[in-house]
Amino acid sequence: MASKKGNRIVIKLKSSESGHTYTTQKNRKNDSSRIELRRYDPILRRHVMYKETK
């Protein structure tokens, strides 16, 4: 049996100010564009913008 391709995919979020990355999931049906989140950067020890990368 072939498995169905799901709506949720694993994405990488890269910091806009350092090289740190997070991995998370997003629903490709609800969020078709690239997402940007404000997350904690442990290298800089403060919150910065993280952008989705390929």
C-alpha atoms as a PDB file:
ATOM      1  CA  MET A   1       0.000   0.000   0.000  1.00  0.00           C
ATOM      2  CA  ALA A   2       1.157   3.501  -0.790  1.00  0.00           C
ATOM      3  CA  SER A   3       1.068   5.958   2.086  1.00  0.00           C
ATOM      4  CA  LYS A   4      -0.802   9.239   1.700  1.00  0.00           C
ATOM      5  CA  LYS A   5       1.293  12.387   1.704  1.00  0.00           C
ATOM      6  CA  GLY A   6       0.268  14.361   4.782  1.00  0.00           C
ATOM      7  CA  ASN A   7      -0.412  18.055   5.189  1.00  0.00           C
ATOM      8  CA  ARG A   8       2.216  18.537   7.909  1.00  0.00           C
ATOM      9  CA  ILE A   9       5.850  18.967   6.867  1.00  0.00           C
ATOM     10  CA  VAL A  10       9.073  19.461   8.849  1.00  0.00           C
ATOM     11  CA  ILE A  11      10.701  22.861   8.313  1.00  0.00           C
ATOM     12  CA  LYS A  12      13.849  24.636   9.535  1.00  0.00           C
ATOM     13  CA  LEU A  13      13.729  28.078  11.108  1.00  0.00           C
ATOM     14  CA  LYS A  14      16.998  30.015  10.849  1.00  0.00           C
ATOM     15  CA  SER A  15      17.915  32.991  13.010  1.00  0.00           C
ATOM     16  CA  SER A  16      18.174  36.319  11.210  1.00  0.00           C
ATOM     17  CA  GLU A  17      21.148  37.384  13.369  1.00  0.00           C
ATOM     18  CA  SER A  18      23.162  34.206  14.028  1.00  0.00           C
ATOM     19  CA  GLY A  19      23.539  30.697  12.652  1.00  0.00           C
ATOM     20  CA  HIS A  20      21.209  28.994  15.131  1.00  0.00           C
ATOM     21  CA  THR A  21      18.297  26.925  13.776  1.00  0.00           C
ATOM     22  CA  TYR A  22      15.117  25.367  15.126  1.00  0.00           C
ATOM     23  CA  THR A  23      13.130  22.564  13.513  1.00  0.00           C
ATOM     24  CA  THR A  24       9.351  22.507  13.697  1.00  0.00           C
ATOM     25  CA  GLN A  25       6.303  21.412  11.729  1.00  0.00           C
ATOM     26  CA  LYS A  26       3.780  23.396   9.766  1.00  0.00           C
ATOM     27  CA  ASN A  27       0.556  22.589   8.006  1.00  0.00           C
ATOM     28  CA  ARG A  28       1.148  23.223   4.299  1.00  0.00           C
ATOM     29  CA  LYS A  29      -2.578  23.702   3.660  1.00  0.00           C
ATOM     30  CA  ASN A  30      -3.044  26.486   6.269  1.00  0.00           C
ATOM     31  CA  ASP A  31       0.383  28.163   5.903  1.00  0.00           C
ATOM     32  CA  SER A  32       1.388  27.963   2.256  1.00  0.00           C
ATOM     33  CA  SER A  33       3.814  30.916   2.449  1.00  0.00           C
ATOM     34  CA  ARG A  34       7.066  31.004   4.412  1.00  0.00           C
ATOM     35  CA  ILE A  35       6.602  31.711   8.096  1.00  0.00           C
ATOM     36  CA  GLU A  36       8.487  34.056  10.396  1.00  0.00           C
ATOM     37  CA  LEU A  37       8.437  33.611  14.165  1.00  0.00           C
ATOM     38  CA  ARG A  38      10.037  35.476  17.033  1.00  0.00           C
ATOM     39  CA  ARG A  39      11.990  32.868  19.021  1.00  0.00           C
ATOM     40  CA  TYR A  40      14.711  32.770  21.670  1.00  0.00           C
ATOM     41  CA  ASP A  41      18.280  32.616  20.318  1.00  0.00           C
ATOM     42  CA  PRO A  42      20.543  30.898  22.883  1.00  0.00           C
ATOM     43  CA  ILE A  43      23.707  32.161  21.155  1.00  0.00           C
ATOM     44  CA  LEU A  44      22.684  35.822  21.502  1.00  0.00           C
ATOM     45  CA  ARG A  45      20.609  35.154  24.643  1.00  0.00           C
ATOM     46  CA  ARG A  46      17.637  37.223  23.435  1.00  0.00           C
ATOM     47  CA  HIS A  47      14.583  36.940  21.178  1.00  0.00           C
ATOM     48  CA  VAL A  48      15.088  37.481  17.439  1.00  0.00           C
ATOM     49  CA  MET A  49      13.175  36.801  14.221  1.00  0.00           C
ATOM     50  CA  TYR A  50      13.479  33.310  12.753  1.00  0.00           C
ATOM     51  CA  LYS A  51      12.635  32.728   9.080  1.00  0.00           C
ATOM     52  CA  GLU A  52      11.746  29.516   7.325  1.00  0.00           C
ATOM     53  CA  THR A  53      14.484  28.065   5.111  1.00  0.00           C
ATOM     54  CA  LYS A  54      14.500  25.169   2.664  1.00  0.00           C
END
